[in-house]
């Protein structure tokens, strides 16, 4: 079994099971043959690690963008909730101060 070094935030069980990490090809992780040139293997491992780091950076940036968008939506929703409460309060105030038709009949009769 090939030992896979752990990255920050990587589930330890993936390396124990020999499963590929982010950015690794499954066939390369399980069917890797020892290379005659250790320097080439080291360079390939460094390139794989750099590619994985870049993917992690992109994912982190995407998550931060989603968090910011979610916060903007929550702020807008909060503002709409406040607006709705104000509209309901205004409606209740106007309904309480409104005059019913039945209340105007005596006045209409006096005018006629």
PDB file of N, CA and C in Angstrom:
ATOM      1  N   UNK A   1       0.842  -1.179   0.000  1.00  0.00           N
ATOM      2  CA  UNK A   1       0.000   0.000   0.000  1.00  0.00           C
ATOM      3  C   UNK A   1       0.886   1.240   0.000  1.00  0.00           C
ATOM      4  N   UNK A   2       0.504   2.207  -0.783  1.00  0.00           N
ATOM      5  CA  UNK A   2       1.260   3.442  -0.912  1.00  0.00           C
ATOM      6  C   UNK A   2       0.843   4.393   0.202  1.00  0.00           C
ATOM      7  N   UNK A   3       1.787   5.013   0.883  1.00  0.00           N
ATOM      8  CA  UNK A   3       1.483   6.001   1.904  1.00  0.00           C
ATOM      9  C   UNK A   3       1.265   7.339   1.229  1.00  0.00           C
ATOM     10  N   UNK A   4       0.147   7.968   1.544  1.00  0.00           N
ATOM     11  CA  UNK A   4      -0.187   9.260   0.960  1.00  0.00           C
ATOM     12  C   UNK A   4      -0.065  10.301   2.054  1.00  0.00           C
ATOM     13  N   UNK A   5       0.814  11.300   1.896  1.00  0.00           N
ATOM     14  CA  UNK A   5       0.931  12.322   2.942  1.00  0.00           C
ATOM     15  C   UNK A   5      -0.368  13.096   3.068  1.00  0.00           C
ATOM     16  N   UNK A   6      -0.682  13.449   4.300  1.00  0.00           N
ATOM     17  CA  UNK A   6      -1.941  14.150   4.581  1.00  0.00           C
ATOM     18  C   UNK A   6      -1.789  15.641   4.355  1.00  0.00           C
ATOM     19  N   UNK A   7      -2.842  16.240   3.790  1.00  0.00           N
ATOM     20  CA  UNK A   7      -2.928  17.688   3.651  1.00  0.00           C
ATOM     21  C   UNK A   7      -3.769  18.192   4.804  1.00  0.00           C
ATOM     22  N   UNK A   8      -3.696  19.484   5.076  1.00  0.00           N
ATOM     23  CA  UNK A   8      -4.535  20.064   6.107  1.00  0.00           C
ATOM     24  C   UNK A   8      -5.987  19.899   5.702  1.00  0.00           C
ATOM     25  N   UNK A   9      -6.795  19.372   6.589  1.00  0.00           N
ATOM     26  CA  UNK A   9      -8.212  19.210   6.327  1.00  0.00           C
ATOM     27  C   UNK A   9      -8.563  17.933   5.599  1.00  0.00           C
ATOM     28  N   UNK A  10      -7.588  17.058   5.327  1.00  0.00           N
ATOM     29  CA  UNK A  10      -7.870  15.817   4.615  1.00  0.00           C
ATOM     30  C   UNK A  10      -8.259  14.750   5.624  1.00  0.00           C
ATOM     31  N   UNK A  11      -9.259  14.001   5.311  1.00  0.00           N
ATOM     32  CA  UNK A  11      -9.718  12.932   6.188  1.00  0.00           C
ATOM     33  C   UNK A  11      -8.657  11.846   6.231  1.00  0.00           C
ATOM     34  N   UNK A  12      -8.229  11.468   7.429  1.00  0.00           N
ATOM     35  CA  UNK A  12      -7.140  10.515   7.620  1.00  0.00           C
ATOM     36  C   UNK A  12      -7.450   9.170   6.996  1.00  0.00           C
ATOM     37  N   UNK A  13      -8.723   8.769   6.985  1.00  0.00           N
ATOM     38  CA  UNK A  13      -9.106   7.465   6.458  1.00  0.00           C
ATOM     39  C   UNK A  13      -8.791   7.299   4.986  1.00  0.00           C
ATOM     40  N   UNK A  14      -8.717   8.385   4.225  1.00  0.00           N
ATOM     41  CA  UNK A  14      -8.414   8.279   2.801  1.00  0.00           C
ATOM     42  C   UNK A  14      -7.011   7.737   2.580  1.00  0.00           C
ATOM     43  N   UNK A  15      -6.068   8.161   3.403  1.00  0.00           N
ATOM     44  CA  UNK A  15      -4.708   7.672   3.216  1.00  0.00           C
ATOM     45  C   UNK A  15      -4.575   6.232   3.688  1.00  0.00           C
ATOM     46  N   UNK A  16      -5.300   5.860   4.708  1.00  0.00           N
ATOM     47  CA  UNK A  16      -5.239   4.485   5.204  1.00  0.00           C
ATOM     48  C   UNK A  16      -5.817   3.525   4.174  1.00  0.00           C
ATOM     49  N   UNK A  17      -6.922   3.918   3.576  1.00  0.00           N
ATOM     50  CA  UNK A  17      -7.577   3.058   2.596  1.00  0.00           C
ATOM     51  C   UNK A  17      -6.887   3.067   1.247  1.00  0.00           C
ATOM     52  N   UNK A  18      -5.954   3.963   1.073  1.00  0.00           N
ATOM     53  CA  UNK A  18      -5.261   4.050  -0.207  1.00  0.00           C
ATOM     54  C   UNK A  18      -6.102   4.734  -1.262  1.00  0.00           C
ATOM     55  N   UNK A  19      -7.123   5.498  -0.831  1.00  0.00           N
ATOM     56  CA  UNK A  19      -7.970   6.212  -1.784  1.00  0.00           C
ATOM     57  C   UNK A  19      -7.260   7.478  -2.230  1.00  0.00           C
ATOM     58  N   UNK A  20      -7.542   7.916  -3.437  1.00  0.00           N
ATOM     59  CA  UNK A  20      -6.871   9.120  -3.928  1.00  0.00           C
ATOM     60  C   UNK A  20      -7.370  10.365  -3.212  1.00  0.00           C
ATOM     61  N   UNK A  21      -6.486  11.330  -3.059  1.00  0.00           N
ATOM     62  CA  UNK A  21      -6.840  12.619  -2.502  1.00  0.00           C
ATOM     63  C   UNK A  21      -7.315  13.534  -3.619  1.00  0.00           C
ATOM     64  N   UNK A  22      -7.699  14.747  -3.271  1.00  0.00           N
ATOM     65  CA  UNK A  22      -8.130  15.723  -4.269  1.00  0.00           C
ATOM     66  C   UNK A  22      -7.040  15.906  -5.317  1.00  0.00           C
ATOM     67  N   UNK A  23      -7.437  15.883  -6.563  1.00  0.00           N
ATOM     68  CA  UNK A  23      -6.503  16.155  -7.640  1.00  0.00           C
ATOM     69  C   UNK A  23      -5.688  14.961  -8.087  1.00  0.00           C
ATOM     70  N   UNK A  24      -5.873  13.798  -7.471  1.00  0.00           N
ATOM     71  CA  UNK A  24      -5.132  12.619  -7.888  1.00  0.00           C
ATOM     72  C   UNK A  24      -6.019  11.728  -8.719  1.00  0.00           C
ATOM     73  N   UNK A  25      -5.451  11.155  -9.735  1.00  0.00           N
ATOM     74  CA  UNK A  25      -6.163  10.208 -10.575  1.00  0.00           C
ATOM     75  C   UNK A  25      -6.237   8.882  -9.817  1.00  0.00           C
ATOM     76  N   UNK A  26      -7.415   8.245  -9.785  1.00  0.00           N
ATOM     77  CA  UNK A  26      -7.605   7.013  -9.028  1.00  0.00           C
ATOM     78  C   UNK A  26      -6.692   5.910  -9.526  1.00  0.00           C
ATOM     79  N   UNK A  27      -6.504   5.812 -10.837  1.00  0.00           N
ATOM     80  CA  UNK A  27      -5.642   4.755 -11.362  1.00  0.00           C
ATOM     81  C   UNK A  27      -4.189   5.021 -11.011  1.00  0.00           C
ATOM     82  N   UNK A  28      -3.795   6.277 -10.965  1.00  0.00           N
ATOM     83  CA  UNK A  28      -2.417   6.606 -10.620  1.00  0.00           C
ATOM     84  C   UNK A  28      -2.142   6.323  -9.155  1.00  0.00           C
ATOM     85  N   UNK A  29      -3.144   6.501  -8.303  1.00  0.00           N
ATOM     86  CA  UNK A  29      -2.943   6.290  -6.877  1.00  0.00           C
ATOM     87  C   UNK A  29      -2.879   4.814  -6.529  1.00  0.00           C
ATOM     88  N   UNK A  30      -3.613   3.968  -7.222  1.00  0.00           N
ATOM     89  CA  UNK A  30      -3.658   2.550  -6.867  1.00  0.00           C
ATOM     90  C   UNK A  30      -2.708   1.703  -7.691  1.00  0.00           C
ATOM     91  N   UNK A  31      -2.431   2.109  -8.918  1.00  0.00           N
ATOM     92  CA  UNK A  31      -1.593   1.297  -9.799  1.00  0.00           C
ATOM     93  C   UNK A  31      -0.232   1.928 -10.043  1.00  0.00           C
ATOM     94  N   UNK A  32       0.207   2.767  -9.124  1.00  0.00           N
ATOM     95  CA  UNK A  32       1.477   3.450  -9.330  1.00  0.00           C
ATOM     96  C   UNK A  32       2.624   2.457  -9.225  1.00  0.00           C
ATOM     97  N   UNK A  33       3.477   2.505 -10.239  1.00  0.00           N
ATOM     98  CA  UNK A  33       4.643   1.642 -10.246  1.00  0.00           C
ATOM     99  C   UNK A  33       5.833   2.471  -9.799  1.00  0.00           C
ATOM    100  N   UNK A  34       6.745   1.863  -9.061  1.00  0.00           N
ATOM    101  CA  UNK A  34       7.921   2.626  -8.636  1.00  0.00           C
ATOM    102  C   UNK A  34       8.693   3.120  -9.857  1.00  0.00           C
ATOM    103  N   UNK A  35       9.116   4.358  -9.799  1.00  0.00           N
ATOM    104  CA  UNK A  35       9.849   4.959 -10.903  1.00  0.00           C
ATOM    105  C   UNK A  35      11.340   4.713 -10.694  1.00  0.00           C
ATOM    106  N   UNK A  36      12.026   4.474 -11.794  1.00  0.00           N
ATOM    107  CA  UNK A  36      13.464   4.232 -11.716  1.00  0.00           C
ATOM    108  C   UNK A  36      14.191   5.500 -11.305  1.00  0.00           C
ATOM    109  N   UNK A  37      13.627   6.663 -11.631  1.00  0.00           N
ATOM    110  CA  UNK A  37      14.263   7.935 -11.325  1.00  0.00           C
ATOM    111  C   UNK A  37      13.544   8.583 -10.145  1.00  0.00           C
ATOM    112  N   UNK A  38      14.128   8.550  -8.946  1.00  0.00           N
ATOM    113  CA  UNK A  38      13.467   9.139  -7.783  1.00  0.00           C
ATOM    114  C   UNK A  38      13.285  10.647  -7.916  1.00  0.00           C
ATOM    115  N   UNK A  39      14.153  11.331  -8.626  1.00  0.00           N
ATOM    116  CA  UNK A  39      14.004  12.775  -8.804  1.00  0.00           C
ATOM    117  C   UNK A  39      12.752  13.086  -9.612  1.00  0.00           C
ATOM    118  N   UNK A  40      12.467  12.277 -10.634  1.00  0.00           N
ATOM    119  CA  UNK A  40      11.262  12.481 -11.440  1.00  0.00           C
ATOM    120  C   UNK A  40      10.024  12.208 -10.600  1.00  0.00           C
ATOM    121  N   UNK A  41      10.101  11.190  -9.752  1.00  0.00           N
ATOM    122  CA  UNK A  41       8.967  10.883  -8.875  1.00  0.00           C
ATOM    123  C   UNK A  41       8.734  12.014  -7.895  1.00  0.00           C
ATOM    124  N   UNK A  42       9.797  12.564  -7.358  1.00  0.00           N
ATOM    125  CA  UNK A  42       9.686  13.689  -6.431  1.00  0.00           C
ATOM    126  C   UNK A  42       9.109  14.909  -7.138  1.00  0.00           C
ATOM    127  N   UNK A  43       9.577  15.181  -8.343  1.00  0.00           N
ATOM    128  CA  UNK A  43       9.059  16.317  -9.112  1.00  0.00           C
ATOM    129  C   UNK A  43       7.582  16.115  -9.425  1.00  0.00           C
ATOM    130  N   UNK A  44       7.204  14.898  -9.768  1.00  0.00           N
ATOM    131  CA  UNK A  44       5.791  14.623 -10.054  1.00  0.00           C
ATOM    132  C   UNK A  44       4.950  14.781  -8.796  1.00  0.00           C
ATOM    133  N   UNK A  45       5.491  14.338  -7.673  1.00  0.00           N
ATOM    134  CA  UNK A  45       4.754  14.477  -6.414  1.00  0.00           C
ATOM    135  C   UNK A  45       4.595  15.944  -6.047  1.00  0.00           C
ATOM    136  N   UNK A  46       5.633  16.736  -6.275  1.00  0.00           N
ATOM    137  CA  UNK A  46       5.559  18.172  -5.998  1.00  0.00           C
ATOM    138  C   UNK A  46       4.544  18.833  -6.922  1.00  0.00           C
ATOM    139  N   UNK A  47       4.536  18.457  -8.192  1.00  0.00           N
ATOM    140  CA  UNK A  47       3.569  19.019  -9.146  1.00  0.00           C
ATOM    141  C   UNK A  47       2.148  18.645  -8.751  1.00  0.00           C
ATOM    142  N   UNK A  48       1.959  17.378  -8.328  1.00  0.00           N
ATOM    143  CA  UNK A  48       0.630  16.953  -7.872  1.00  0.00           C
ATOM    144  C   UNK A  48       0.197  17.741  -6.645  1.00  0.00           C
ATOM    145  N   UNK A  49       1.120  17.955  -5.720  1.00  0.00           N
ATOM    146  CA  UNK A  49       0.805  18.707  -4.502  1.00  0.00           C
ATOM    147  C   UNK A  49       0.462  20.160  -4.835  1.00  0.00           C
ATOM    148  N   UNK A  50       1.214  20.754  -5.778  1.00  0.00           N
ATOM    149  CA  UNK A  50       0.922  22.128  -6.177  1.00  0.00           C
ATOM    150  C   UNK A  50      -0.444  22.229  -6.846  1.00  0.00           C
ATOM    151  N   UNK A  51      -0.776  21.257  -7.689  1.00  0.00           N
ATOM    152  CA  UNK A  51      -2.092  21.254  -8.337  1.00  0.00           C
ATOM    153  C   UNK A  51      -3.193  21.105  -7.288  1.00  0.00           C
ATOM    154  N   UNK A  52      -2.963  20.246  -6.319  1.00  0.00           N
ATOM    155  CA  UNK A  52      -3.940  20.062  -5.241  1.00  0.00           C
ATOM    156  C   UNK A  52      -4.073  21.339  -4.420  1.00  0.00           C
ATOM    157  N   UNK A  53      -2.961  21.997  -4.137  1.00  0.00           N
ATOM    158  CA  UNK A  53      -3.001  23.260  -3.396  1.00  0.00           C
ATOM    159  C   UNK A  53      -3.777  24.331  -4.152  1.00  0.00           C
ATOM    160  N   UNK A  54      -3.580  24.389  -5.476  1.00  0.00           N
ATOM    161  CA  UNK A  54      -4.310  25.365  -6.293  1.00  0.00           C
ATOM    162  C   UNK A  54      -5.812  25.083  -6.263  1.00  0.00           C
ATOM    163  N   UNK A  55      -6.176  23.813  -6.362  1.00  0.00           N
ATOM    164  CA  UNK A  55      -7.599  23.459  -6.293  1.00  0.00           C
ATOM    165  C   UNK A  55      -8.173  23.829  -4.934  1.00  0.00           C
ATOM    166  N   UNK A  56      -7.415  23.595  -3.890  1.00  0.00           N
ATOM    167  CA  UNK A  56      -7.853  23.946  -2.547  1.00  0.00           C
ATOM    168  C   UNK A  56      -8.031  25.453  -2.401  1.00  0.00           C
ATOM    169  N   UNK A  57      -7.118  26.224  -2.980  1.00  0.00           N
ATOM    170  CA  UNK A  57      -7.235  27.685  -2.936  1.00  0.00           C
ATOM    171  C   UNK A  57      -8.482  28.147  -3.679  1.00  0.00           C
ATOM    172  N   UNK A  58      -8.747  27.547  -4.855  1.00  0.00           N
ATOM    173  CA  UNK A  58      -9.951  27.912  -5.620  1.00  0.00           C
ATOM    174  C   UNK A  58     -11.211  27.559  -4.844  1.00  0.00           C
ATOM    175  N   UNK A  59     -11.229  26.372  -4.249  1.00  0.00           N
ATOM    176  CA  UNK A  59     -12.393  25.962  -3.471  1.00  0.00           C
ATOM    177  C   UNK A  59     -12.601  26.886  -2.269  1.00  0.00           C
ATOM    178  N   UNK A  60     -11.520  27.253  -1.618  1.00  0.00           N
ATOM    179  CA  UNK A  60     -11.604  28.174  -0.484  1.00  0.00           C
ATOM    180  C   UNK A  60     -12.159  29.523  -0.932  1.00  0.00           C
ATOM    181  N   UNK A  61     -11.677  30.023  -2.063  1.00  0.00           N
ATOM    182  CA  UNK A  61     -12.185  31.294  -2.590  1.00  0.00           C
ATOM    183  C   UNK A  61     -13.662  31.182  -2.957  1.00  0.00           C
ATOM    184  N   UNK A  62     -14.044  30.069  -3.569  1.00  0.00           N
ATOM    185  CA  UNK A  62     -15.456  29.856  -3.913  1.00  0.00           C
ATOM    186  C   UNK A  62     -16.324  29.827  -2.664  1.00  0.00           C
ATOM    187  N   UNK A  63     -15.856  29.168  -1.623  1.00  0.00           N
ATOM    188  CA  UNK A  63     -16.619  29.100  -0.371  1.00  0.00           C
ATOM    189  C   UNK A  63     -16.763  30.490   0.225  1.00  0.00           C
ATOM    190  N   UNK A  64     -15.708  31.278   0.212  1.00  0.00           N
ATOM    191  CA  UNK A  64     -15.785  32.641   0.748  1.00  0.00           C
ATOM    192  C   UNK A  64     -16.758  33.492  -0.072  1.00  0.00           C
ATOM    193  N   UNK A  65     -16.746  33.330  -1.393  1.00  0.00           N
ATOM    194  CA  UNK A  65     -17.702  34.061  -2.242  1.00  0.00           C
ATOM    195  C   UNK A  65     -19.127  33.648  -1.923  1.00  0.00           C
ATOM    196  N   UNK A  66     -19.357  32.354  -1.722  1.00  0.00           N
ATOM    197  CA  UNK A  66     -20.698  31.881  -1.373  1.00  0.00           C
ATOM    198  C   UNK A  66     -21.137  32.411  -0.017  1.00  0.00           C
ATOM    199  N   UNK A  67     -20.218  32.457   0.924  1.00  0.00           N
ATOM    200  CA  UNK A  67     -20.552  33.008   2.249  1.00  0.00           C
ATOM    201  C   UNK A  67     -20.929  34.481   2.137  1.00  0.00           C
ATOM    202  N   UNK A  68     -20.178  35.231   1.353  1.00  0.00           N
ATOM    203  CA  UNK A  68     -20.477  36.655   1.174  1.00  0.00           C
ATOM    204  C   UNK A  68     -21.829  36.842   0.489  1.00  0.00           C
ATOM    205  N   UNK A  69     -22.102  36.039  -0.533  1.00  0.00           N
ATOM    206  CA  UNK A  69     -23.392  36.128  -1.226  1.00  0.00           C
ATOM    207  C   UNK A  69     -24.530  35.741  -0.291  1.00  0.00           C
ATOM    208  N   UNK A  70     -24.317  34.717   0.521  1.00  0.00           N
ATOM    209  CA  UNK A  70     -25.335  34.294   1.477  1.00  0.00           C
ATOM    210  C   UNK A  70     -25.611  35.407   2.491  1.00  0.00           C
ATOM    211  N   UNK A  71     -24.565  36.062   2.970  1.00  0.00           N
ATOM    212  CA  UNK A  71     -24.747  37.155   3.926  1.00  0.00           C
ATOM    213  C   UNK A  71     -25.502  38.312   3.278  1.00  0.00           C
ATOM    214  N   UNK A  72     -25.212  38.607   2.017  1.00  0.00           N
ATOM    215  CA  UNK A  72     -25.926  39.676   1.320  1.00  0.00           C
ATOM    216  C   UNK A  72     -27.413  39.336   1.197  1.00  0.00           C
ATOM    217  N   UNK A  73     -27.709  38.073   0.910  1.00  0.00           N
ATOM    218  CA  UNK A  73     -29.107  37.644   0.815  1.00  0.00           C
ATOM    219  C   UNK A  73     -29.785  37.752   2.174  1.00  0.00           C
ATOM    220  N   UNK A  74     -29.093  37.330   3.230  1.00  0.00           N
ATOM    221  CA  UNK A  74     -29.665  37.424   4.579  1.00  0.00           C
ATOM    222  C   UNK A  74     -29.920  38.876   4.975  1.00  0.00           C
ATOM    223  N   UNK A  75     -28.995  39.776   4.617  1.00  0.00           N
ATOM    224  CA  UNK A  75     -29.185  41.196   4.920  1.00  0.00           C
ATOM    225  C   UNK A  75     -30.394  41.755   4.175  1.00  0.00           C
ATOM    226  N   UNK A  76     -30.519  41.388   2.900  1.00  0.00           N
ATOM    227  CA  UNK A  76     -31.656  41.859   2.106  1.00  0.00           C
ATOM    228  C   UNK A  76     -32.965  41.307   2.667  1.00  0.00           C
ATOM    229  N   UNK A  77     -32.952  40.045   3.057  1.00  0.00           N
ATOM    230  CA  UNK A  77     -34.136  39.425   3.626  1.00  0.00           C
ATOM    231  C   UNK A  77     -34.531  40.112   4.929  1.00  0.00           C
ATOM    232  N   UNK A  78     -33.552  40.453   5.731  1.00  0.00           N
ATOM    233  CA  UNK A  78     -33.825  41.156   6.982  1.00  0.00           C
ATOM    234  C   UNK A  78     -34.459  42.523   6.708  1.00  0.00           C
ATOM    235  N   UNK A  79     -33.942  43.226   5.706  1.00  0.00           N
ATOM    236  CA  UNK A  79     -34.519  44.520   5.330  1.00  0.00           C
ATOM    237  C   UNK A  79     -35.953  44.373   4.838  1.00  0.00           C
ATOM    238  N   UNK A  80     -36.219  43.335   4.048  1.00  0.00           N
ATOM    239  CA  UNK A  80     -37.581  43.104   3.568  1.00  0.00           C
ATOM    240  C   UNK A  80     -38.520  42.756   4.722  1.00  0.00           C
ATOM    241  N   UNK A  81     -38.004  42.011   5.683  1.00  0.00           N
ATOM    242  CA  UNK A  81     -38.815  41.671   6.861  1.00  0.00           C
ATOM    243  C   UNK A  81     -39.180  42.935   7.636  1.00  0.00           C
ATOM    244  N   UNK A  82     -38.205  43.831   7.800  1.00  0.00           N
ATOM    245  CA  UNK A  82     -38.474  45.098   8.485  1.00  0.00           C
ATOM    246  C   UNK A  82     -39.500  45.925   7.714  1.00  0.00           C
ATOM    247  N   UNK A  83     -39.366  45.964   6.388  1.00  0.00           N
ATOM    248  CA  UNK A  83     -40.327  46.697   5.562  1.00  0.00           C
ATOM    249  C   UNK A  83     -41.733  46.126   5.711  1.00  0.00           C
ATOM    250  N   UNK A  84     -41.844  44.811   5.703  1.00  0.00           N
ATOM    251  CA  UNK A  84     -43.146  44.163   5.844  1.00  0.00           C
ATOM    252  C   UNK A  84     -43.767  44.479   7.199  1.00  0.00           C
ATOM    253  N   UNK A  85     -42.966  44.457   8.251  1.00  0.00           N
ATOM    254  CA  UNK A  85     -43.494  44.801   9.579  1.00  0.00           C
ATOM    255  C   UNK A  85     -44.004  46.234   9.606  1.00  0.00           C
ATOM    256  N   UNK A  86     -43.266  47.143   8.958  1.00  0.00           N
ATOM    257  CA  UNK A  86     -43.695  48.547   8.912  1.00  0.00           C
ATOM    258  C   UNK A  86     -44.991  48.690   8.120  1.00  0.00           C
ATOM    259  N   UNK A  87     -45.106  47.995   7.011  1.00  0.00           N
ATOM    260  CA  UNK A  87     -46.326  48.058   6.197  1.00  0.00           C
ATOM    261  C   UNK A  87     -47.516  47.520   6.990  1.00  0.00           C
ATOM    262  N   UNK A  88     -47.315  46.420   7.694  1.00  0.00           N
ATOM    263  CA  UNK A  88     -48.403  45.859   8.501  1.00  0.00           C
ATOM    264  C   UNK A  88     -48.809  46.812   9.623  1.00  0.00           C
ATOM    265  N   UNK A  89     -47.844  47.462  10.245  1.00  0.00           N
ATOM    266  CA  UNK A  89     -48.160  48.425  11.305  1.00  0.00           C
ATOM    267  C   UNK A  89     -48.924  49.609  10.728  1.00  0.00           C
ATOM    268  N   UNK A  90     -48.488  50.105   9.572  1.00  0.00           N
ATOM    269  CA  UNK A  90     -49.198  51.217   8.922  1.00  0.00           C
ATOM    270  C   UNK A  90     -50.617  50.806   8.544  1.00  0.00           C
ATOM    271  N   UNK A  91     -50.773  49.598   8.022  1.00  0.00           N
ATOM    272  CA  UNK A  91     -52.097  49.113   7.640  1.00  0.00           C
ATOM    273  C   UNK A  91     -53.008  49.008   8.860  1.00  0.00           C
ATOM    274  N   UNK A  92     -52.494  48.504   9.959  1.00  0.00           N
ATOM    275  CA  UNK A  92     -53.300  48.384  11.177  1.00  0.00           C
ATOM    276  C   UNK A  92     -53.685  49.761  11.707  1.00  0.00           C
ATOM    277  N   UNK A  93     -52.742  50.708  11.653  1.00  0.00           N
ATOM    278  CA  UNK A  93     -53.029  52.074  12.110  1.00  0.00           C
ATOM    279  C   UNK A  93     -54.095  52.727  11.231  1.00  0.00           C
ATOM    280  N   UNK A  94     -53.988  52.551   9.911  1.00  0.00           N
ATOM    281  CA  UNK A  94     -54.979  53.133   9.005  1.00  0.00           C
ATOM    282  C   UNK A  94     -56.347  52.467   9.171  1.00  0.00           C
ATOM    283  N   UNK A  95     -56.350  51.153   9.380  1.00  0.00           N
ATOM    284  CA  UNK A  95     -57.621  50.449   9.572  1.00  0.00           C
ATOM    285  C   UNK A  95     -58.296  50.900  10.851  1.00  0.00           C
ATOM    286  N   UNK A  96     -57.524  51.186  11.874  1.00  0.00           N
ATOM    287  CA  UNK A  96     -58.101  51.630  13.150  1.00  0.00           C
ATOM    288  C   UNK A  96     -58.650  53.050  13.036  1.00  0.00           C
ATOM    289  N   UNK A  97     -58.043  53.877  12.202  1.00  0.00           N
ATOM    290  CA  UNK A  97     -58.511  55.255  12.076  1.00  0.00           C
ATOM    291  C   UNK A  97     -59.517  55.446  10.939  1.00  0.00           C
ATOM    292  N   UNK A  98     -59.781  54.407  10.170  1.00  0.00           N
ATOM    293  CA  UNK A  98     -60.707  54.524   9.041  1.00  0.00           C
ATOM    294  C   UNK A  98     -62.145  54.611   9.552  1.00  0.00           C
ATOM    295  N   UNK A  99     -62.963  55.316   8.774  1.00  0.00           N
ATOM    296  CA  UNK A  99     -64.372  55.482   9.118  1.00  0.00           C
ATOM    297  C   UNK A  99     -65.173  54.501   8.267  1.00  0.00           C
ATOM    298  N   UNK A 100     -66.073  53.772   8.917  1.00  0.00           N
ATOM    299  CA  UNK A 100     -66.911  52.810   8.193  1.00  0.00           C
ATOM    300  C   UNK A 100     -68.064  53.537   7.516  1.00  0.00           C
ATOM    301  N   UNK A 101     -68.624  52.935   6.444  1.00  0.00           N
ATOM    302  CA  UNK A 101     -69.762  53.514   5.740  1.00  0.00           C
ATOM    303  C   UNK A 101     -70.963  53.721   6.654  1.00  0.00           C
ATOM    304  N   UNK A 102     -71.134  52.761   7.538  1.00  0.00           N
ATOM    305  CA  UNK A 102     -72.279  52.872   8.457  1.00  0.00           C
ATOM    306  C   UNK A 102     -72.146  54.091   9.356  1.00  0.00           C
ATOM    307  N   UNK A 103     -70.938  54.463   9.675  1.00  0.00           N
ATOM    308  CA  UNK A 103     -70.717  55.642  10.518  1.00  0.00           C
ATOM    309  C   UNK A 103     -71.033  56.929   9.753  1.00  0.00           C
ATOM    310  N   UNK A 104     -70.971  56.890   8.431  1.00  0.00           N
ATOM    311  CA  UNK A 104     -71.218  58.086   7.620  1.00  0.00           C
ATOM    312  C   UNK A 104     -72.689  58.247   7.228  1.00  0.00           C
ATOM    313  N   UNK A 105     -73.524  57.237   7.410  1.00  0.00           N
ATOM    314  CA  UNK A 105     -74.932  57.344   6.997  1.00  0.00           C
ATOM    315  C   UNK A 105     -75.670  58.493   7.692  1.00  0.00           C
ATOM    316  N   UNK A 106     -75.548  58.627   9.013  1.00  0.00           N
ATOM    317  CA  UNK A 106     -76.239  59.776   9.632  1.00  0.00           C
ATOM    318  C   UNK A 106     -75.787  61.108   9.067  1.00  0.00           C
ATOM    319  N   UNK A 107     -74.517  61.245   8.777  1.00  0.00           N
ATOM    320  CA  UNK A 107     -74.007  62.485   8.210  1.00  0.00           C
ATOM    321  C   UNK A 107     -74.567  62.686   6.800  1.00  0.00           C
ATOM    322  N   UNK A 108     -74.621  61.632   6.012  1.00  0.00           N
ATOM    323  CA  UNK A 108     -75.154  61.725   4.661  1.00  0.00           C
ATOM    324  C   UNK A 108     -76.641  62.097   4.693  1.00  0.00           C
ATOM    325  N   UNK A 109     -77.388  61.557   5.657  1.00  0.00           N
ATOM    326  CA  UNK A 109     -78.803  61.870   5.778  1.00  0.00           C
ATOM    327  C   UNK A 109     -79.010  63.330   6.182  1.00  0.00           C
ATOM    328  N   UNK A 110     -78.155  63.833   7.028  1.00  0.00           N
ATOM    329  CA  UNK A 110     -78.272  65.222   7.458  1.00  0.00           C
ATOM    330  C   UNK A 110     -77.966  66.174   6.307  1.00  0.00           C
ATOM    331  N   UNK A 111     -77.041  65.756   5.439  1.00  0.00           N
ATOM    332  CA  UNK A 111     -76.672  66.604   4.321  1.00  0.00           C
ATOM    333  C   UNK A 111     -77.814  66.659   3.314  1.00  0.00           C
ATOM    334  N   UNK A 112     -78.474  65.539   3.119  1.00  0.00           N
ATOM    335  CA  UNK A 112     -79.581  65.504   2.148  1.00  0.00           C
ATOM    336  C   UNK A 112     -80.702  66.327   2.673  1.00  0.00           C
TER     337      UNK A 112
END
